Amino acid sequence: MSCVKLKEVVEKMRLVTLTPQIDISRRNVYQTEVNRPALELTGYFDHFAAGRIQIIGLVEHSYIDQMDDEDKRRVFRQLFSLDVPAVVFTRDLPPDQVILETALEAGMPMFLTSQATSPFMAEMIRWLNVRLAPSISIHGVLVDVYGIGLLLTGDSGVGKSEAALELIKRGHRLVSDDVVEIRKVSEVTLIGTAPEITKHFIELRGIGIIDVKTLFGVSSVRESQSIDLEIHLEEWDKNREYDRMGIEEHYSEYLGNKVVCHRVPVRPGRNVAIICESAAANHRQKLMGYNAAQELYMRVQKNLMRMQKQDDEEET
């Protein structure tokens, strides 16, 4: 099961610890959702989402202020006895001494943030969705071309890195070379990143390793990118028929999500980088509602109908 260390969550969300005596180095978060305890503060714990980080906002804090000390101890002892990763108080509304003492007794880490509750929860859920998403690693290159995440795949030595380098020189941005880590953050979105050890590097056979960020500047790289289009490079096979119209879309599947895939033959004289750039621009145009292949097909059909009509008139 995927998990993220609680310490990473604290650093990412810039939380202030209220219980520095408690060691959080071994605490992990396993769920992407968070929870605002409402009925639980009244003592109702049936169907309680215990595995989630608990968020205490303005409404919960106001209710807690109306509780007497005995009720606070009883409710929070029960809350802390369950499998709760941590408790976060938002809007700079800290817990009182009774709750802090109960947390220390139970070894429950508590944190404080100045952010409003809803934006804080939205950002935490978004970040946890990325960090805890199902993931795989594949052999390929990921480049941001006109805002389209272009995944280059194919056999070793077919020219993926060289095409990526040419795209970078044309102003596009590298995400990862050789190995792409893919995370499924939703039913429609895949996010690609580079392994930490190879981030910003490209391997060119005959040259060696180059640092893209150092050579071309920080604007030539990015940390992550959604995967929107795949270009599968393969050696030219004269006996094979390749798609020349592009009316029908073909797909690859990663972690259950489909990605539009074009198989592009490679041979001397073909500028693969420009082909990839054009494919990305065409894909973006399709997303905006215009399909060039469909437009050509409609023109041909209209022309055939006009010619047929003329033939019918001549016969009559």
Protein backbone atom coordinates (compact mmCIF):
# COMPACT_ATOMS: atom_id res chain seq x y z
CA MET A 1 0.00 0.00 0.00
CA SER A 2 1.32 3.45 -0.95
CA CYS A 3 2.02 5.87 1.84
CA VAL A 4 3.59 9.25 2.48
CA LYS A 5 5.44 10.17 5.64
CA LEU A 6 3.60 12.56 7.94
CA LYS A 7 6.81 14.59 8.13
CA GLU A 8 6.54 15.26 4.37
CA VAL A 9 2.95 16.45 4.79
CA VAL A 10 4.03 18.83 7.56
CA GLU A 11 6.83 20.27 5.42
CA LYS A 12 4.70 20.56 2.28
CA MET A 13 1.74 22.22 4.01
CA ARG A 14 4.01 24.33 6.28
CA LEU A 15 2.31 23.24 9.46
CA VAL A 16 3.32 24.49 12.89
CA THR A 17 3.68 21.67 15.41
CA LEU A 18 1.83 22.03 18.70
CA THR A 19 3.25 18.81 20.15
CA PRO A 20 7.02 18.91 19.50
CA GLN A 21 7.53 16.23 22.17
CA ILE A 22 5.89 13.61 19.91
CA ASP A 23 8.11 11.85 17.34
CA ILE A 24 6.39 11.79 13.93
CA SER A 25 9.25 10.22 11.95
CA ARG A 26 7.51 6.82 11.84
CA ARG A 27 3.98 8.05 11.21
CA ASN A 28 2.57 7.59 7.72
CA VAL A 29 -0.51 8.77 5.83
CA TYR A 30 -2.26 6.16 3.65
CA GLN A 31 -5.43 7.93 2.53
CA THR A 32 -5.83 10.85 0.14
CA GLU A 33 -9.01 12.16 1.79
CA VAL A 34 -9.18 14.27 4.95
CA ASN A 35 -11.99 14.50 7.50
CA ARG A 36 -13.68 17.23 9.54
CA PRO A 37 -15.04 15.58 12.71
CA ALA A 38 -18.54 16.88 13.32
CA LEU A 39 -20.80 14.20 14.79
CA GLU A 40 -17.69 12.70 16.38
CA LEU A 41 -17.44 15.74 18.67
CA THR A 42 -20.85 14.80 20.04
CA GLY A 43 -19.61 11.30 20.78
CA TYR A 44 -20.97 9.51 17.69
CA PHE A 45 -18.10 7.48 16.16
CA ASP A 46 -19.99 4.99 13.99
CA HIS A 47 -18.60 5.00 10.42
CA PHE A 48 -15.78 7.32 11.52
CA ALA A 49 -13.07 7.85 8.86
CA ALA A 50 -10.27 7.15 11.29
CA GLY A 51 -7.45 6.66 8.77
CA ARG A 52 -7.67 10.25 7.55
CA ILE A 53 -5.99 13.40 8.82
CA GLN A 54 -8.56 15.22 10.97
CA ILE A 55 -9.18 18.92 10.29
CA ILE A 56 -10.60 21.23 12.97
CA GLY A 57 -12.00 24.38 11.37
CA LEU A 58 -13.94 27.39 12.66
CA VAL A 59 -17.24 25.51 13.12
CA GLU A 60 -15.64 22.61 15.00
CA HIS A 61 -13.54 24.99 17.11
CA SER A 62 -16.62 27.01 18.08
CA TYR A 63 -18.43 23.84 19.16
CA ILE A 64 -15.40 22.67 21.17
CA ASP A 65 -15.33 26.02 23.04
CA GLN A 66 -18.87 25.29 24.32
CA MET A 67 -17.91 21.88 25.70
CA ASP A 68 -16.91 21.44 29.34
CA ASP A 69 -13.50 19.98 30.19
CA GLU A 70 -14.86 16.54 31.04
CA ASP A 71 -16.63 16.20 27.68
CA LYS A 72 -13.51 17.37 25.86
CA ARG A 73 -11.36 14.74 27.55
CA ARG A 74 -13.88 11.99 26.90
CA VAL A 75 -14.41 12.83 23.20
CA PHE A 76 -10.77 13.48 22.34
CA ARG A 77 -9.54 10.40 24.21
CA GLN A 78 -11.87 8.34 22.07
CA LEU A 79 -10.81 10.22 18.93
CA PHE A 80 -7.10 9.78 19.67
CA SER A 81 -7.53 6.11 20.50
CA LEU A 82 -8.46 5.39 16.87
CA ASP A 83 -6.07 5.13 13.92
CA VAL A 84 -5.79 8.89 13.27
CA PRO A 85 -2.56 10.07 11.59
CA ALA A 86 -2.72 13.62 12.97
CA VAL A 87 -5.02 16.54 13.86
CA VAL A 88 -4.69 19.96 12.21
CA PHE A 89 -6.28 23.19 13.49
CA THR A 90 -6.87 25.82 10.80
CA ARG A 91 -7.29 29.63 10.82
CA ASP A 92 -4.70 29.98 13.63
CA LEU A 93 -7.30 28.67 16.09
CA PRO A 94 -5.23 26.60 18.56
CA PRO A 95 -6.66 23.94 20.89
CA ASP A 96 -6.94 24.69 24.59
CA GLN A 97 -4.75 23.16 27.31
CA VAL A 98 -7.14 20.28 28.02
CA ILE A 99 -6.98 19.03 24.42
CA LEU A 100 -3.20 19.47 24.27
CA GLU A 101 -2.75 17.45 27.47
CA THR A 102 -5.03 14.71 26.13
CA ALA A 103 -3.06 14.63 22.86
CA LEU A 104 0.26 14.31 24.70
CA GLU A 105 -1.13 11.48 26.83
CA ALA A 106 -2.25 9.61 23.68
CA GLY A 107 0.88 10.47 21.66
CA MET A 108 -1.24 12.21 19.02
CA PRO A 109 0.59 14.86 16.94
CA MET A 110 -1.29 18.14 16.54
CA PHE A 111 -0.57 20.98 14.14
CA LEU A 112 -1.67 24.53 13.37
CA THR A 113 -2.04 26.45 10.12
CA SER A 114 -3.12 30.00 9.35
CA GLN A 115 -4.93 28.94 6.15
CA ALA A 116 -8.70 28.92 5.82
CA THR A 117 -10.19 25.46 6.17
CA SER A 118 -11.61 24.80 2.68
CA PRO A 119 -8.56 25.97 0.64
CA PHE A 120 -6.28 24.09 3.02
CA MET A 121 -8.25 20.86 2.62
CA ALA A 122 -8.41 21.24 -1.16
CA GLU A 123 -4.64 21.71 -1.45
CA MET A 124 -3.86 18.83 0.89
CA ILE A 125 -6.21 16.45 -0.98
CA ARG A 126 -4.72 17.53 -4.33
CA TRP A 127 -1.17 16.93 -3.11
CA LEU A 128 -2.00 13.60 -1.44
CA ASN A 129 -3.77 12.45 -4.61
CA VAL A 130 -0.53 12.91 -6.52
CA ARG A 131 1.74 11.42 -3.86
CA LEU A 132 -0.46 8.39 -3.12
CA ALA A 133 -1.63 7.70 -6.66
CA PRO A 134 -0.97 4.25 -8.21
CA SER A 135 2.27 4.46 -10.18
CA ILE A 136 4.41 2.63 -12.71
CA SER A 137 7.75 3.34 -14.40
CA ILE A 138 8.15 2.99 -18.16
CA HIS A 139 10.98 3.40 -20.66
CA GLY A 140 10.42 6.65 -22.53
CA VAL A 141 10.86 10.41 -22.69
CA LEU A 142 8.32 13.02 -21.53
CA VAL A 143 8.34 16.55 -22.95
CA ASP A 144 5.98 19.50 -22.53
CA VAL A 145 5.16 20.71 -26.06
CA TYR A 146 2.76 23.68 -26.28
CA GLY A 147 1.32 22.60 -22.92
CA ILE A 148 0.67 19.07 -24.19
CA GLY A 149 2.42 16.29 -22.30
CA LEU A 150 4.12 14.36 -25.11
CA LEU A 151 5.33 10.86 -24.21
CA LEU A 152 7.93 9.46 -26.62
CA THR A 153 8.24 5.67 -26.58
CA GLY A 154 10.00 3.08 -28.72
CA ASP A 155 12.95 0.72 -28.74
CA SER A 156 16.32 1.81 -27.37
CA GLY A 157 18.35 3.75 -29.94
CA VAL A 158 15.38 4.73 -32.10
CA GLY A 159 16.00 8.46 -31.43
CA LYS A 160 13.75 9.46 -28.53
CA SER A 161 16.38 11.48 -26.65
CA GLU A 162 17.62 13.16 -29.83
CA ALA A 163 14.07 14.21 -30.71
CA ALA A 164 13.58 15.52 -27.16
CA LEU A 165 16.81 17.54 -27.39
CA GLU A 166 15.68 19.14 -30.64
CA LEU A 167 12.31 19.98 -29.05
CA ILE A 168 14.11 21.61 -26.11
CA LYS A 169 16.18 23.71 -28.53
CA ARG A 170 12.89 24.81 -30.12
CA GLY A 171 11.68 26.16 -26.78
CA HIS A 172 9.82 23.21 -25.27
CA ARG A 173 10.49 21.68 -21.84
CA LEU A 174 11.92 18.37 -20.68
CA VAL A 175 10.22 16.44 -17.89
CA SER A 176 12.08 13.12 -17.98
CA ASP A 177 14.47 11.16 -20.18
CA ASP A 178 14.90 7.36 -20.31
CA VAL A 179 12.55 6.56 -17.39
CA VAL A 180 9.14 8.17 -16.80
CA GLU A 181 7.28 7.62 -13.54
CA ILE A 182 3.54 7.68 -14.25
CA ARG A 183 0.95 8.32 -11.54
CA LYS A 184 -2.80 7.94 -11.95
CA VAL A 185 -4.24 10.93 -10.09
CA SER A 186 -7.79 10.50 -11.45
CA GLU A 187 -9.81 8.37 -13.85
CA VAL A 188 -8.81 10.67 -16.72
CA THR A 189 -5.45 12.15 -15.69
CA LEU A 190 -1.96 10.66 -15.69
CA ILE A 191 0.95 12.67 -14.32
CA GLY A 192 4.52 11.96 -15.41
CA THR A 193 7.66 12.81 -13.44
CA ALA A 194 11.36 11.98 -13.53
CA PRO A 195 13.15 9.76 -11.02
CA GLU A 196 15.07 11.98 -8.60
CA ILE A 197 18.43 10.54 -9.66
CA THR A 198 18.01 11.29 -13.42
CA LYS A 199 16.03 14.53 -13.20
CA HIS A 200 17.03 17.12 -15.86
CA PHE A 201 19.59 14.77 -17.50
CA ILE A 202 19.56 13.41 -21.06
CA GLU A 203 21.70 10.57 -22.37
CA LEU A 204 22.97 10.98 -25.94
CA ARG A 205 24.73 7.98 -27.45
CA GLY A 206 28.22 8.95 -28.56
CA ILE A 207 28.19 12.11 -26.42
CA GLY A 208 27.22 10.94 -22.96
CA ILE A 209 25.17 12.67 -20.27
CA ILE A 210 24.14 16.32 -20.58
CA ASP A 211 22.45 18.52 -17.97
CA VAL A 212 19.54 20.21 -19.74
CA LYS A 213 18.85 22.64 -16.91
CA THR A 214 22.46 23.86 -16.88
CA LEU A 215 22.87 24.06 -20.66
CA PHE A 216 19.52 25.57 -21.63
CA GLY A 217 18.34 27.22 -18.40
CA VAL A 218 15.56 26.63 -15.90
CA SER A 219 12.88 27.44 -18.49
CA SER A 220 13.84 24.28 -20.42
CA VAL A 221 12.70 21.84 -17.72
CA ARG A 222 9.69 21.19 -15.54
CA GLU A 223 9.02 18.90 -12.58
CA SER A 224 5.86 17.14 -13.76
CA GLN A 225 3.38 17.12 -16.62
CA SER A 226 0.10 15.45 -17.48
CA ILE A 227 0.44 12.80 -20.20
CA ASP A 228 -1.85 13.78 -23.06
CA LEU A 229 -0.34 12.19 -26.17
CA GLU A 230 2.02 9.34 -26.99
CA ILE A 231 4.31 9.16 -30.02
CA HIS A 232 5.63 5.64 -30.51
CA LEU A 233 8.75 5.75 -32.67
CA GLU A 234 9.63 2.66 -34.70
CA GLU A 235 11.93 1.70 -37.55
CA TRP A 236 10.42 2.24 -41.00
CA ASP A 237 8.86 -0.93 -42.43
CA LYS A 238 8.09 -0.59 -46.12
CA ASN A 239 5.74 -3.57 -45.96
CA ARG A 240 3.57 -1.97 -43.31
CA GLU A 241 0.67 0.41 -43.89
CA TYR A 242 0.80 3.55 -41.77
CA ASP A 243 -2.13 5.82 -40.94
CA ARG A 244 -2.21 8.68 -43.44
CA MET A 245 -5.49 10.36 -42.51
CA GLY A 246 -5.76 10.14 -38.73
CA ILE A 247 -9.55 9.98 -38.67
CA GLU A 248 -9.62 7.14 -36.15
CA GLU A 249 -7.82 7.57 -32.85
CA HIS A 250 -5.59 4.81 -31.51
CA TYR A 251 -4.82 4.47 -27.82
CA SER A 252 -2.30 3.10 -25.34
CA GLU A 253 -3.37 2.20 -21.81
CA TYR A 254 -1.51 3.00 -18.59
CA LEU A 255 -2.96 2.15 -15.17
CA GLY A 256 -6.39 1.79 -16.77
CA ASN A 257 -6.34 5.23 -18.43
CA LYS A 258 -6.23 5.61 -22.20
CA VAL A 259 -3.80 7.93 -23.98
CA VAL A 260 -4.02 8.85 -27.68
CA CYS A 261 -1.11 7.13 -29.45
CA HIS A 262 0.44 7.71 -32.89
CA ARG A 263 2.92 5.23 -34.37
CA VAL A 264 5.52 7.24 -36.26
CA PRO A 265 8.03 5.46 -38.55
CA VAL A 266 11.61 6.72 -38.39
CA ARG A 267 14.05 6.75 -41.30
CA PRO A 268 16.85 9.04 -42.57
CA GLY A 269 15.53 12.40 -43.75
CA ARG A 270 12.52 12.57 -41.42
CA ASN A 271 12.67 15.38 -38.86
CA VAL A 272 11.15 13.57 -35.89
CA ALA A 273 11.15 16.67 -33.66
CA ILE A 274 9.03 18.68 -36.09
CA ILE A 275 6.68 15.72 -36.54
CA CYS A 276 6.27 15.49 -32.75
CA GLU A 277 5.74 19.25 -32.48
CA SER A 278 3.10 19.16 -35.21
CA ALA A 279 1.38 16.18 -33.58
CA ALA A 280 1.19 18.05 -30.26
CA ALA A 281 -0.19 21.18 -31.93
CA ASN A 282 -2.75 19.09 -33.87
CA HIS A 283 -3.80 17.29 -30.69
CA ARG A 284 -4.28 20.62 -28.96
CA GLN A 285 -6.36 21.81 -31.90
CA LYS A 286 -8.57 18.71 -31.59
CA LEU A 287 -9.09 19.45 -27.91
CA MET A 288 -10.27 22.93 -28.96
CA GLY A 289 -12.87 21.38 -31.28
CA TYR A 290 -11.20 21.36 -34.72
CA ASN A 291 -10.19 18.12 -36.45
CA ALA A 292 -8.27 18.64 -39.71
CA ALA A 293 -8.79 15.04 -40.86
CA GLN A 294 -12.55 15.31 -40.33
CA GLU A 295 -12.58 18.65 -42.16
CA LEU A 296 -10.79 17.14 -45.18
CA TYR A 297 -13.15 14.16 -45.14
CA MET A 298 -16.18 16.47 -45.15
CA ARG A 299 -14.76 18.49 -48.05
CA VAL A 300 -14.16 15.33 -50.09
CA GLN A 301 -17.70 14.10 -49.36
CA LYS A 302 -19.22 17.44 -50.38
CA ASN A 303 -17.16 17.45 -53.59
CA LEU A 304 -18.27 13.91 -54.44
CA MET A 305 -21.92 14.82 -53.83
CA ARG A 306 -21.57 17.90 -56.04
CA MET A 307 -20.00 15.84 -58.83
CA GLN A 308 -22.73 13.21 -58.51
CA LYS A 309 -25.38 15.89 -58.71
CA GLN A 310 -23.80 17.32 -61.88
CA ASP A 311 -23.71 13.86 -63.48
CA ASP A 312 -27.37 13.32 -62.67
CA GLU A 313 -28.31 16.67 -64.21
CA GLU A 314 -26.36 15.91 -67.39
CA GLU A 315 -28.10 12.54 -67.75
CA THR A 316 -31.51 14.18 -67.50
